[in-house]
Amino acid sequence: QFTGPRWFGTMAKEKFDAGNYLPEVYSLNDKTGKDL
């Protein structure tokens, strides 16, 4: 669903942050996940 022209567009910072990987994807430790 992400392939194609949409993938290469630009977006606002707020939209990127809202769709970014959640901190728990980076680490099961809350502080480490948030820092990463």
All heavy atoms as atom14 arrays in JSON, in Angstrom:
{
  "sequence": "QFTGPRWFGTMAKEKFDAGNYLPEVYSLNDKTGKDL",
  "atom14_mask": [
    [1, 1, 1, 1, 1, 1, 1, 1, 1, 0, 0, 0, 0, 0],
    [1, 1, 1, 1, 1, 1, 1, 1, 1, 1, 1, 0, 0, 0],
    [1, 1, 1, 1, 1, 1, 1, 0, 0, 0, 0, 0, 0, 0],
    [1, 1, 1, 1, 0, 0, 0, 0, 0, 0, 0, 0, 0, 0],
    [1, 1, 1, 1, 1, 1, 1, 0, 0, 0, 0, 0, 0, 0],
    [1, 1, 1, 1, 1, 1, 1, 1, 1, 1, 1, 0, 0, 0],
    [1, 1, 1, 1, 1, 1, 1, 1, 1, 1, 1, 1, 1, 1],
    [1, 1, 1, 1, 1, 1, 1, 1, 1, 1, 1, 0, 0, 0],
    [1, 1, 1, 1, 0, 0, 0, 0, 0, 0, 0, 0, 0, 0],
    [1, 1, 1, 1, 1, 1, 1, 0, 0, 0, 0, 0, 0, 0],
    [1, 1, 1, 1, 1, 1, 1, 1, 0, 0, 0, 0, 0, 0],
    [1, 1, 1, 1, 1, 0, 0, 0, 0, 0, 0, 0, 0, 0],
    [1, 1, 1, 1, 1, 1, 1, 1, 1, 0, 0, 0, 0, 0],
    [1, 1, 1, 1, 1, 1, 1, 1, 1, 0, 0, 0, 0, 0],
    [1, 1, 1, 1, 1, 1, 1, 1, 1, 0, 0, 0, 0, 0],
    [1, 1, 1, 1, 1, 1, 1, 1, 1, 1, 1, 0, 0, 0],
    [1, 1, 1, 1, 1, 1, 1, 1, 0, 0, 0, 0, 0, 0],
    [1, 1, 1, 1, 1, 0, 0, 0, 0, 0, 0, 0, 0, 0],
    [1, 1, 1, 1, 0, 0, 0, 0, 0, 0, 0, 0, 0, 0],
    [1, 1, 1, 1, 1, 1, 1, 1, 0, 0, 0, 0, 0, 0],
    [1, 1, 1, 1, 1, 1, 1, 1, 1, 1, 1, 1, 0, 0],
    [1, 1, 1, 1, 1, 1, 1, 1, 0, 0, 0, 0, 0, 0],
    [1, 1, 1, 1, 1, 1, 1, 0, 0, 0, 0, 0, 0, 0],
    [1, 1, 1, 1, 1, 1, 1, 1, 1, 0, 0, 0, 0, 0],
    [1, 1, 1, 1, 1, 1, 1, 0, 0, 0, 0, 0, 0, 0],
    [1, 1, 1, 1, 1, 1, 1, 1, 1, 1, 1, 1, 0, 0],
    [1, 1, 1, 1, 1, 1, 0, 0, 0, 0, 0, 0, 0, 0],
    [1, 1, 1, 1, 1, 1, 1, 1, 0, 0, 0, 0, 0, 0],
    [1, 1, 1, 1, 1, 1, 1, 1, 0, 0, 0, 0, 0, 0],
    [1, 1, 1, 1, 1, 1, 1, 1, 0, 0, 0, 0, 0, 0],
    [1, 1, 1, 1, 1, 1, 1, 1, 1, 0, 0, 0, 0, 0],
    [1, 1, 1, 1, 1, 1, 1, 0, 0, 0, 0, 0, 0, 0],
    [1, 1, 1, 1, 0, 0, 0, 0, 0, 0, 0, 0, 0, 0],
    [1, 1, 1, 1, 1, 1, 1, 1, 1, 0, 0, 0, 0, 0],
    [1, 1, 1, 1, 1, 1, 1, 1, 0, 0, 0, 0, 0, 0],
    [1, 1, 1, 1, 1, 1, 1, 1, 0, 0, 0, 0, 0, 0]
  ],
  "atom14_positions": [
    [[0.82, -1.22, 0.0], [0.0, 0.0, 0.0], [0.85, 1.27, 0.0], [0.37, 2.34, -0.3], [-0.97, 0.0, 1.18], [-0.32, 0.25, 2.52], [-1.31, 0.24, 3.66], [-2.45, 0.65, 3.49], [-0.88, -0.22, 4.81], [0.0, 0.0, 0.0], [0.0, 0.0, 0.0], [0.0, 0.0, 0.0], [0.0, 0.0, 0.0], [0.0, 0.0, 0.0]],
    [[2.14, 1.14, 0.3], [3.02, 2.3, 0.35], [3.82, 2.51, -0.94], [4.5, 3.5, -1.08], [4.02, 2.17, 1.52], [3.34, 2.18, 2.85], [3.23, 1.02, 3.58], [2.8, 3.35, 3.36], [2.6, 1.01, 4.81], [2.17, 3.35, 4.59], [2.07, 2.18, 5.31], [0.0, 0.0, 0.0], [0.0, 0.0, 0.0], [0.0, 0.0, 0.0]],
    [[3.78, 1.56, -1.85], [4.58, 1.69, -3.07], [3.91, 2.65, -4.04], [2.74, 2.95, -3.93], [4.8, 0.32, -3.74], [3.53, -0.24, -4.06], [5.56, -0.61, -2.85], [0.0, 0.0, 0.0], [0.0, 0.0, 0.0], [0.0, 0.0, 0.0], [0.0, 0.0, 0.0], [0.0, 0.0, 0.0], [0.0, 0.0, 0.0], [0.0, 0.0, 0.0]],
    [[4.68, 3.11, -4.97], [4.13, 4.02, -5.98], [4.44, 5.46, -5.68], [5.22, 5.77, -4.78], [0.0, 0.0, 0.0], [0.0, 0.0, 0.0], [0.0, 0.0, 0.0], [0.0, 0.0, 0.0], [0.0, 0.0, 0.0], [0.0, 0.0, 0.0], [0.0, 0.0, 0.0], [0.0, 0.0, 0.0], [0.0, 0.0, 0.0], [0.0, 0.0, 0.0]],
    [[3.84, 6.36, -6.42], [4.15, 7.79, -6.29], [3.93, 8.36, -4.89], [4.65, 9.25, -4.48], [3.19, 8.45, -7.29], [2.84, 7.38, -8.25], [2.9, 6.09, -7.48], [0.0, 0.0, 0.0], [0.0, 0.0, 0.0], [0.0, 0.0, 0.0], [0.0, 0.0, 0.0], [0.0, 0.0, 0.0], [0.0, 0.0, 0.0], [0.0, 0.0, 0.0]],
    [[2.94, 7.85, -4.16], [2.7, 8.37, -2.8], [3.93, 8.26, -1.93], [4.18, 9.09, -1.07], [1.57, 7.58, -2.13], [0.21, 8.0, -2.49], [-0.84, 7.24, -1.69], [-0.41, 7.0, -0.34], [-0.71, 5.91, 0.36], [-1.44, 4.96, -0.16], [-0.3, 5.76, 1.58], [0.0, 0.0, 0.0], [0.0, 0.0, 0.0], [0.0, 0.0, 0.0]],
    [[4.69, 7.18, -2.1], [5.84, 6.91, -1.25], [6.87, 8.02, -1.32], [7.55, 8.33, -0.36], [6.46, 5.57, -1.64], [7.6, 5.19, -0.78], [8.92, 5.29, -1.06], [7.54, 4.64, 0.54], [9.67, 4.84, -0.02], [8.85, 4.44, 0.97], [6.48, 4.3, 1.39], [9.15, 3.9, 2.22], [6.78, 3.77, 2.63], [8.1, 3.58, 3.03]],
    [[7.0, 8.66, -2.48], [8.06, 9.63, -2.68], [7.61, 11.07, -2.47], [8.33, 11.99, -2.73], [8.64, 9.47, -4.1], [9.25, 8.12, -4.29], [8.57, 7.14, -4.98], [10.48, 7.81, -3.75], [9.12, 5.88, -5.15], [11.03, 6.56, -3.91], [10.35, 5.59, -4.61], [0.0, 0.0, 0.0], [0.0, 0.0, 0.0], [0.0, 0.0, 0.0]],
    [[6.4, 11.27, -1.97], [5.9, 12.62, -1.73], [6.51, 13.23, -0.49], [7.3, 12.62, 0.22], [0.0, 0.0, 0.0], [0.0, 0.0, 0.0], [0.0, 0.0, 0.0], [0.0, 0.0, 0.0], [0.0, 0.0, 0.0], [0.0, 0.0, 0.0], [0.0, 0.0, 0.0], [0.0, 0.0, 0.0], [0.0, 0.0, 0.0], [0.0, 0.0, 0.0]],
    [[6.14, 14.45, -0.23], [6.61, 15.13, 0.98], [5.44, 15.19, 1.97], [4.29, 15.04, 1.59], [7.08, 16.55, 0.65], [6.0, 17.25, 0.05], [8.27, 16.53, -0.29], [0.0, 0.0, 0.0], [0.0, 0.0, 0.0], [0.0, 0.0, 0.0], [0.0, 0.0, 0.0], [0.0, 0.0, 0.0], [0.0, 0.0, 0.0], [0.0, 0.0, 0.0]],
    [[5.76, 15.41, 3.2], [4.71, 15.51, 4.21], [5.13, 16.45, 5.32], [6.31, 16.73, 5.49], [4.38, 14.13, 4.79], [5.49, 13.5, 5.59], [5.01, 11.96, 6.39], [4.72, 10.91, 5.0], [0.0, 0.0, 0.0], [0.0, 0.0, 0.0], [0.0, 0.0, 0.0], [0.0, 0.0, 0.0], [0.0, 0.0, 0.0], [0.0, 0.0, 0.0]],
    [[4.15, 16.91, 6.05], [4.4, 17.81, 7.17], [4.96, 17.01, 8.35], [4.71, 15.82, 8.48], [3.1, 18.51, 7.58], [0.0, 0.0, 0.0], [0.0, 0.0, 0.0], [0.0, 0.0, 0.0], [0.0, 0.0, 0.0], [0.0, 0.0, 0.0], [0.0, 0.0, 0.0], [0.0, 0.0, 0.0], [0.0, 0.0, 0.0], [0.0, 0.0, 0.0]],
    [[5.74, 17.68, 9.19], [6.36, 17.03, 10.34], [5.32, 16.36, 11.23], [5.53, 15.24, 11.7], [7.14, 18.06, 11.16], [7.77, 17.5, 12.41], [8.43, 18.59, 13.24], [9.06, 18.06, 14.5], [8.24, 17.2, 15.32], [0.0, 0.0, 0.0], [0.0, 0.0, 0.0], [0.0, 0.0, 0.0], [0.0, 0.0, 0.0], [0.0, 0.0, 0.0]],
    [[4.19, 17.01, 11.46], [3.17, 16.43, 12.34], [2.65, 15.11, 11.79], [2.43, 14.16, 12.52], [2.0, 17.41, 12.53], [2.38, 18.67, 13.29], [3.12, 19.69, 12.43], [3.02, 19.65, 11.17], [3.82, 20.54, 13.02], [0.0, 0.0, 0.0], [0.0, 0.0, 0.0], [0.0, 0.0, 0.0], [0.0, 0.0, 0.0], [0.0, 0.0, 0.0]],
    [[2.46, 15.05, 10.47], [1.96, 13.82, 9.85], [3.02, 12.72, 9.95], [2.7, 11.57, 10.22], [1.57, 14.07, 8.4], [0.91, 12.87, 7.76], [0.34, 13.22, 6.41], [-0.36, 12.0, 5.85], [-0.99, 12.26, 4.57], [0.0, 0.0, 0.0], [0.0, 0.0, 0.0], [0.0, 0.0, 0.0], [0.0, 0.0, 0.0], [0.0, 0.0, 0.0]],
    [[4.28, 13.06, 9.74], [5.35, 12.07, 9.86], [5.4, 11.53, 11.28], [5.44, 10.32, 11.5], [6.7, 12.69, 9.5], [7.83, 11.71, 9.66], [8.15, 10.82, 8.66], [8.56, 11.68, 10.85], [9.18, 9.9, 8.82], [9.59, 10.76, 11.01], [9.9, 9.89, 10.0], [0.0, 0.0, 0.0], [0.0, 0.0, 0.0], [0.0, 0.0, 0.0]],
    [[5.4, 12.43, 12.27], [5.48, 11.99, 13.67], [4.3, 11.1, 14.04], [4.46, 10.12, 14.76], [5.55, 13.2, 14.61], [6.93, 13.86, 14.6], [7.89, 13.25, 14.09], [7.03, 14.99, 15.11], [0.0, 0.0, 0.0], [0.0, 0.0, 0.0], [0.0, 0.0, 0.0], [0.0, 0.0, 0.0], [0.0, 0.0, 0.0], [0.0, 0.0, 0.0]],
    [[3.11, 11.44, 13.55], [1.92, 10.66, 13.88], [2.0, 9.25, 13.3], [1.48, 8.3, 13.88], [0.67, 11.36, 13.38], [0.0, 0.0, 0.0], [0.0, 0.0, 0.0], [0.0, 0.0, 0.0], [0.0, 0.0, 0.0], [0.0, 0.0, 0.0], [0.0, 0.0, 0.0], [0.0, 0.0, 0.0], [0.0, 0.0, 0.0], [0.0, 0.0, 0.0]],
    [[2.67, 9.1, 12.17], [2.76, 7.79, 11.53], [4.09, 7.09, 11.76], [4.33, 6.01, 11.24], [0.0, 0.0, 0.0], [0.0, 0.0, 0.0], [0.0, 0.0, 0.0], [0.0, 0.0, 0.0], [0.0, 0.0, 0.0], [0.0, 0.0, 0.0], [0.0, 0.0, 0.0], [0.0, 0.0, 0.0], [0.0, 0.0, 0.0], [0.0, 0.0, 0.0]],
    [[4.96, 7.71, 12.54], [6.28, 7.14, 12.79], [6.15, 5.88, 13.64], [5.16, 5.66, 14.31], [7.16, 8.17, 13.5], [8.64, 7.86, 13.39], [9.04, 6.88, 12.78], [9.45, 8.71, 13.98], [0.0, 0.0, 0.0], [0.0, 0.0, 0.0], [0.0, 0.0, 0.0], [0.0, 0.0, 0.0], [0.0, 0.0, 0.0], [0.0, 0.0, 0.0]],
    [[7.17, 5.06, 13.62], [7.18, 3.86, 14.45], [7.08, 4.27, 15.92], [7.7, 5.23, 16.35], [8.46, 3.07, 14.22], [8.6, 2.61, 12.8], [9.46, 3.24, 11.93], [7.82, 1.56, 12.34], [9.56, 2.84, 10.61], [7.92, 1.15, 11.02], [8.79, 1.79, 10.17], [8.86, 1.39, 8.88], [0.0, 0.0, 0.0], [0.0, 0.0, 0.0]],
    [[6.31, 3.54, 16.67], [6.13, 3.85, 18.08], [7.39, 3.5, 18.87], [8.15, 2.62, 18.47], [4.94, 3.05, 18.63], [3.6, 3.35, 17.96], [2.53, 2.4, 18.48], [3.21, 4.8, 18.17], [0.0, 0.0, 0.0], [0.0, 0.0, 0.0], [0.0, 0.0, 0.0], [0.0, 0.0, 0.0], [0.0, 0.0, 0.0], [0.0, 0.0, 0.0]],
    [[7.63, 4.17, 19.99], [8.84, 3.91, 20.78], [9.01, 2.44, 21.16], [10.13, 1.94, 21.2], [8.65, 4.79, 22.02], [7.81, 5.92, 21.54], [6.87, 5.31, 20.54], [0.0, 0.0, 0.0], [0.0, 0.0, 0.0], [0.0, 0.0, 0.0], [0.0, 0.0, 0.0], [0.0, 0.0, 0.0], [0.0, 0.0, 0.0], [0.0, 0.0, 0.0]],
    [[7.92, 1.72, 21.4], [8.07, 0.32, 21.82], [8.57, -0.59, 20.7], [8.98, -1.72, 20.94], [6.77, -0.24, 22.4], [5.57, -0.12, 21.52], [4.72, 1.11, 21.83], [5.23, 2.09, 22.39], [3.53, 1.08, 21.49], [0.0, 0.0, 0.0], [0.0, 0.0, 0.0], [0.0, 0.0, 0.0], [0.0, 0.0, 0.0], [0.0, 0.0, 0.0]],
    [[8.59, -0.1, 19.45], [9.18, -0.87, 18.36], [10.71, -0.87, 18.49], [11.37, -1.83, 18.15], [8.74, -0.31, 16.99], [9.52, -0.94, 15.85], [7.25, -0.53, 16.79], [0.0, 0.0, 0.0], [0.0, 0.0, 0.0], [0.0, 0.0, 0.0], [0.0, 0.0, 0.0], [0.0, 0.0, 0.0], [0.0, 0.0, 0.0], [0.0, 0.0, 0.0]],
    [[11.25, 0.21, 19.03], [12.69, 0.34, 19.17], [13.25, -0.43, 20.36], [14.37, -0.9, 20.34], [13.08, 1.82, 19.28], [12.87, 2.59, 18.0], [11.69, 3.3, 17.78], [13.83, 2.6, 17.01], [11.5, 4.0, 16.6], [13.64, 3.29, 15.83], [12.48, 3.98, 15.63], [12.28, 4.68, 14.46], [0.0, 0.0, 0.0], [0.0, 0.0, 0.0]],
    [[12.47, -0.53, 21.42], [12.92, -1.25, 22.62], [11.74, -1.56, 23.52], [10.8, -0.78, 23.61], [13.94, -0.4, 23.39], [14.3, -1.04, 24.6], [0.0, 0.0, 0.0], [0.0, 0.0, 0.0], [0.0, 0.0, 0.0], [0.0, 0.0, 0.0], [0.0, 0.0, 0.0], [0.0, 0.0, 0.0], [0.0, 0.0, 0.0], [0.0, 0.0, 0.0]],
    [[11.81, -2.69, 24.21], [10.78, -3.02, 25.19], [10.93, -2.18, 26.45], [9.99, -2.04, 27.22], [10.82, -4.51, 25.54], [10.44, -5.45, 24.4], [10.6, -6.9, 24.84], [9.02, -5.2, 23.94], [0.0, 0.0, 0.0], [0.0, 0.0, 0.0], [0.0, 0.0, 0.0], [0.0, 0.0, 0.0], [0.0, 0.0, 0.0], [0.0, 0.0, 0.0]],
    [[12.12, -1.59, 26.65], [12.34, -0.69, 27.77], [11.78, 0.69, 27.38], [12.18, 1.26, 26.37], [13.85, -0.59, 28.06], [14.15, 0.4, 29.16], [14.13, 1.61, 28.94], [14.44, -0.13, 30.34], [0.0, 0.0, 0.0], [0.0, 0.0, 0.0], [0.0, 0.0, 0.0], [0.0, 0.0, 0.0], [0.0, 0.0, 0.0], [0.0, 0.0, 0.0]],
    [[10.85, 1.21, 28.17], [10.16, 2.46, 27.83], [11.11, 3.63, 27.58], [11.0, 4.33, 26.58], [9.17, 2.85, 28.93], [7.96, 1.93, 28.97], [7.71, 1.22, 27.97], [7.26, 1.93, 30.0], [0.0, 0.0, 0.0], [0.0, 0.0, 0.0], [0.0, 0.0, 0.0], [0.0, 0.0, 0.0], [0.0, 0.0, 0.0], [0.0, 0.0, 0.0]],
    [[12.07, 3.84, 28.5], [12.98, 4.98, 28.35], [13.88, 4.82, 27.13], [14.05, 5.74, 26.36], [13.83, 5.16, 29.61], [14.75, 6.38, 29.49], [15.62, 6.59, 30.7], [16.53, 7.78, 30.62], [16.93, 8.29, 29.36], [0.0, 0.0, 0.0], [0.0, 0.0, 0.0], [0.0, 0.0, 0.0], [0.0, 0.0, 0.0], [0.0, 0.0, 0.0]],
    [[14.44, 3.62, 26.95], [15.31, 3.37, 25.8], [14.54, 3.54, 24.5], [15.01, 4.16, 23.55], [15.91, 1.96, 25.87], [16.64, 1.83, 27.09], [16.84, 1.68, 24.7], [0.0, 0.0, 0.0], [0.0, 0.0, 0.0], [0.0, 0.0, 0.0], [0.0, 0.0, 0.0], [0.0, 0.0, 0.0], [0.0, 0.0, 0.0], [0.0, 0.0, 0.0]],
    [[13.32, 3.0, 24.46], [12.48, 3.14, 23.27], [12.2, 4.58, 22.93], [12.29, 5.01, 21.78], [0.0, 0.0, 0.0], [0.0, 0.0, 0.0], [0.0, 0.0, 0.0], [0.0, 0.0, 0.0], [0.0, 0.0, 0.0], [0.0, 0.0, 0.0], [0.0, 0.0, 0.0], [0.0, 0.0, 0.0], [0.0, 0.0, 0.0], [0.0, 0.0, 0.0]],
    [[11.86, 5.37, 23.93], [11.57, 6.79, 23.72], [12.82, 7.54, 23.26], [12.76, 8.37, 22.35], [11.03, 7.41, 25.03], [10.63, 8.85, 24.92], [9.2, 8.98, 24.47], [8.78, 10.42, 24.63], [7.94, 10.87, 23.57], [0.0, 0.0, 0.0], [0.0, 0.0, 0.0], [0.0, 0.0, 0.0], [0.0, 0.0, 0.0], [0.0, 0.0, 0.0]],
    [[13.97, 7.25, 23.89], [15.22, 7.9, 23.49], [15.57, 7.58, 22.03], [15.94, 8.47, 21.26], [16.38, 7.47, 24.41], [16.25, 8.04, 25.82], [15.44, 8.97, 26.03], [16.96, 7.52, 26.71], [0.0, 0.0, 0.0], [0.0, 0.0, 0.0], [0.0, 0.0, 0.0], [0.0, 0.0, 0.0], [0.0, 0.0, 0.0], [0.0, 0.0, 0.0]],
    [[15.45, 6.3, 21.65], [15.76, 5.9, 20.28], [14.76, 6.51, 19.3], [15.13, 6.93, 18.21], [15.79, 4.38, 20.16], [16.96, 3.7, 20.89], [16.76, 2.19, 20.93], [18.28, 4.05, 20.24], [0.0, 0.0, 0.0], [0.0, 0.0, 0.0], [0.0, 0.0, 0.0], [0.0, 0.0, 0.0], [0.0, 0.0, 0.0], [0.0, 0.0, 0.0]]
  ]
}
